[in-house]
N, C-alpha and C. Protein backbone atom coordinates (compact mmCIF):
# COMPACT_ATOMS: atom_id res chain seq x y z
N MET A 1 -15.29 13.50 -17.33
CA MET A 1 -14.18 12.88 -16.60
C MET A 1 -13.83 13.71 -15.37
N GLU A 2 -13.74 15.04 -15.54
CA GLU A 2 -13.37 15.90 -14.41
C GLU A 2 -14.45 15.91 -13.34
N LEU A 3 -15.72 15.92 -13.73
CA LEU A 3 -16.81 15.92 -12.76
C LEU A 3 -16.79 14.63 -11.94
N GLY A 4 -16.52 13.52 -12.57
CA GLY A 4 -16.44 12.25 -11.86
C GLY A 4 -15.34 12.25 -10.81
N ARG A 5 -14.21 12.82 -11.17
CA ARG A 5 -13.09 12.88 -10.22
C ARG A 5 -13.44 13.76 -9.01
N VAL A 6 -14.11 14.86 -9.27
CA VAL A 6 -14.53 15.77 -8.18
C VAL A 6 -15.52 15.07 -7.26
N LEU A 7 -16.47 14.35 -7.83
CA LEU A 7 -17.46 13.63 -7.02
C LEU A 7 -16.82 12.53 -6.18
N ILE A 8 -15.89 11.82 -6.74
CA ILE A 8 -15.19 10.78 -5.99
C ILE A 8 -14.39 11.41 -4.85
N THR A 9 -13.71 12.51 -5.13
CA THR A 9 -12.93 13.20 -4.10
C THR A 9 -13.82 13.68 -2.96
N LEU A 10 -14.96 14.27 -3.30
CA LEU A 10 -15.88 14.73 -2.27
C LEU A 10 -16.44 13.56 -1.45
N GLY A 11 -16.72 12.45 -2.12
CA GLY A 11 -17.20 11.27 -1.40
C GLY A 11 -16.18 10.74 -0.42
N VAL A 12 -14.94 10.63 -0.85
CA VAL A 12 -13.87 10.14 0.03
C VAL A 12 -13.66 11.12 1.19
N LEU A 13 -13.72 12.41 0.90
CA LEU A 13 -13.56 13.42 1.95
C LEU A 13 -14.67 13.32 2.98
N LEU A 14 -15.90 13.10 2.54
CA LEU A 14 -17.02 12.93 3.48
C LEU A 14 -16.85 11.67 4.33
N ILE A 15 -16.36 10.61 3.73
CA ILE A 15 -16.12 9.38 4.49
C ILE A 15 -15.06 9.61 5.56
N VAL A 16 -13.98 10.29 5.20
CA VAL A 16 -12.90 10.57 6.16
C VAL A 16 -13.42 11.46 7.29
N ILE A 17 -14.18 12.48 6.97
CA ILE A 17 -14.74 13.36 8.00
C ILE A 17 -15.66 12.57 8.92
N GLY A 18 -16.48 11.70 8.34
CA GLY A 18 -17.37 10.87 9.15
C GLY A 18 -16.61 9.95 10.10
N LEU A 19 -15.53 9.35 9.61
CA LEU A 19 -14.72 8.48 10.47
C LEU A 19 -14.06 9.26 11.60
N VAL A 20 -13.58 10.45 11.29
CA VAL A 20 -12.95 11.28 12.32
C VAL A 20 -13.96 11.65 13.39
N VAL A 21 -15.17 12.01 12.98
CA VAL A 21 -16.22 12.37 13.95
C VAL A 21 -16.56 11.16 14.82
N LEU A 22 -16.68 9.98 14.22
CA LEU A 22 -16.96 8.78 15.00
C LEU A 22 -15.85 8.49 16.01
N LEU A 23 -14.60 8.62 15.57
CA LEU A 23 -13.48 8.36 16.47
C LEU A 23 -13.42 9.39 17.59
N LEU A 24 -13.74 10.63 17.30
CA LEU A 24 -13.75 11.66 18.34
C LEU A 24 -14.85 11.40 19.37
N GLU A 25 -16.02 10.94 18.90
CA GLU A 25 -17.12 10.66 19.81
C GLU A 25 -16.78 9.52 20.77
N ARG A 26 -16.08 8.53 20.27
CA ARG A 26 -15.72 7.38 21.11
C ARG A 26 -14.51 7.66 21.99
N GLY A 27 -13.83 8.76 21.73
CA GLY A 27 -12.66 9.09 22.53
C GLY A 27 -11.40 8.38 22.08
N ILE A 28 -11.45 7.71 20.93
CA ILE A 28 -10.28 6.99 20.43
C ILE A 28 -9.27 7.98 19.89
N LEU A 29 -9.73 8.88 19.05
CA LEU A 29 -8.86 9.89 18.47
C LEU A 29 -8.90 11.10 19.38
N GLY A 30 -7.77 11.64 19.70
CA GLY A 30 -7.72 12.78 20.60
C GLY A 30 -6.99 12.44 21.88
N HIS A 31 -6.74 11.18 22.11
CA HIS A 31 -5.98 10.74 23.28
C HIS A 31 -5.01 9.64 22.86
N ILE A 32 -4.17 9.96 21.89
CA ILE A 32 -3.20 8.99 21.41
C ILE A 32 -1.82 9.37 21.95
N PRO A 33 -0.86 8.46 21.89
CA PRO A 33 0.48 8.80 22.35
C PRO A 33 1.02 10.00 21.57
N GLY A 34 1.63 10.91 22.25
CA GLY A 34 2.12 12.13 21.64
C GLY A 34 1.28 13.34 22.02
N ASP A 35 0.06 13.11 22.48
CA ASP A 35 -0.77 14.19 22.99
C ASP A 35 -0.29 14.55 24.40
N ILE A 36 -0.23 15.83 24.67
CA ILE A 36 0.29 16.30 25.95
C ILE A 36 -0.85 16.84 26.80
N VAL A 37 -0.94 16.38 28.04
CA VAL A 37 -1.94 16.87 28.98
C VAL A 37 -1.20 17.41 30.20
N ILE A 38 -1.47 18.66 30.54
CA ILE A 38 -0.89 19.29 31.71
C ILE A 38 -2.04 19.61 32.66
N LYS A 39 -1.99 19.04 33.86
CA LYS A 39 -3.08 19.24 34.81
C LYS A 39 -2.59 20.04 36.01
N GLY A 40 -3.41 20.97 36.40
CA GLY A 40 -3.16 21.73 37.61
C GLY A 40 -4.26 21.41 38.62
N LYS A 41 -4.29 22.19 39.69
CA LYS A 41 -5.29 21.94 40.73
C LYS A 41 -6.70 22.22 40.22
N HIS A 42 -6.87 23.32 39.50
CA HIS A 42 -8.20 23.68 39.02
C HIS A 42 -8.24 23.92 37.51
N TRP A 43 -7.29 23.40 36.78
CA TRP A 43 -7.23 23.63 35.35
C TRP A 43 -6.57 22.46 34.65
N LYS A 44 -6.75 22.43 33.35
CA LYS A 44 -6.18 21.35 32.53
C LYS A 44 -5.89 21.92 31.15
N ILE A 45 -4.71 21.64 30.61
CA ILE A 45 -4.33 22.05 29.26
C ILE A 45 -4.08 20.79 28.44
N PHE A 46 -4.73 20.72 27.30
CA PHE A 46 -4.60 19.56 26.42
C PHE A 46 -4.00 20.03 25.10
N LEU A 47 -2.85 19.50 24.73
CA LEU A 47 -2.17 19.83 23.49
C LEU A 47 -2.12 18.58 22.60
N PRO A 48 -3.01 18.49 21.62
CA PRO A 48 -3.11 17.28 20.79
C PRO A 48 -2.05 17.22 19.69
N LEU A 49 -0.79 17.15 20.06
CA LEU A 49 0.28 17.13 19.06
C LEU A 49 0.27 15.85 18.23
N GLY A 50 0.13 14.72 18.87
CA GLY A 50 0.10 13.44 18.15
C GLY A 50 -1.10 13.35 17.22
N THR A 51 -2.26 13.79 17.69
CA THR A 51 -3.46 13.77 16.87
C THR A 51 -3.31 14.71 15.69
N SER A 52 -2.74 15.88 15.92
CA SER A 52 -2.54 16.85 14.83
C SER A 52 -1.60 16.29 13.77
N LEU A 53 -0.52 15.65 14.20
CA LEU A 53 0.41 15.07 13.24
C LEU A 53 -0.23 13.95 12.43
N LEU A 54 -1.01 13.11 13.09
CA LEU A 54 -1.68 12.01 12.41
C LEU A 54 -2.69 12.53 11.39
N LEU A 55 -3.52 13.49 11.77
CA LEU A 55 -4.49 14.05 10.84
C LEU A 55 -3.81 14.77 9.68
N SER A 56 -2.73 15.47 9.97
CA SER A 56 -1.99 16.16 8.92
C SER A 56 -1.42 15.16 7.91
N LEU A 57 -0.86 14.07 8.40
CA LEU A 57 -0.32 13.05 7.51
C LEU A 57 -1.41 12.42 6.65
N LEU A 58 -2.53 12.07 7.26
CA LEU A 58 -3.62 11.45 6.50
C LEU A 58 -4.19 12.40 5.45
N LEU A 59 -4.41 13.66 5.82
CA LEU A 59 -4.94 14.62 4.86
C LEU A 59 -3.95 14.90 3.74
N THR A 60 -2.68 14.97 4.06
CA THR A 60 -1.66 15.19 3.03
C THR A 60 -1.64 14.05 2.03
N LEU A 61 -1.69 12.82 2.54
CA LEU A 61 -1.70 11.66 1.64
C LEU A 61 -2.94 11.64 0.76
N LEU A 62 -4.11 11.90 1.35
CA LEU A 62 -5.35 11.89 0.57
C LEU A 62 -5.38 13.00 -0.47
N LEU A 63 -4.99 14.19 -0.09
CA LEU A 63 -5.01 15.30 -1.03
C LEU A 63 -4.00 15.10 -2.16
N ASN A 64 -2.82 14.58 -1.84
CA ASN A 64 -1.84 14.29 -2.90
C ASN A 64 -2.34 13.19 -3.83
N LEU A 65 -3.04 12.24 -3.28
CA LEU A 65 -3.56 11.14 -4.10
C LEU A 65 -4.62 11.62 -5.08
N PHE A 66 -5.51 12.50 -4.63
CA PHE A 66 -6.63 12.90 -5.47
C PHE A 66 -6.43 14.20 -6.25
N LEU A 67 -5.54 15.06 -5.80
CA LEU A 67 -5.39 16.35 -6.48
C LEU A 67 -4.15 16.42 -7.36
N ARG A 68 -3.40 15.35 -7.45
CA ARG A 68 -2.21 15.32 -8.29
C ARG A 68 -2.62 15.26 -9.76
N LYS A 69 -1.94 16.05 -10.58
CA LYS A 69 -2.30 16.06 -12.01
C LYS A 69 -1.24 15.37 -12.84
């Protein structure tokens, strides 16, 4: 029973990582509202606050769902 739960958790985690990589490649994730971009003449600072909050929320929900005893 425990091995099955671990395998399912790893499978879901791999799917989530794969989706995140696909979204990053397409430029969908990483430029959402809440992300801050500061541009200068020869420099650029990107602060992905919205993306960080979204990923944190999703990971928290998934980990609570699968690791709760």
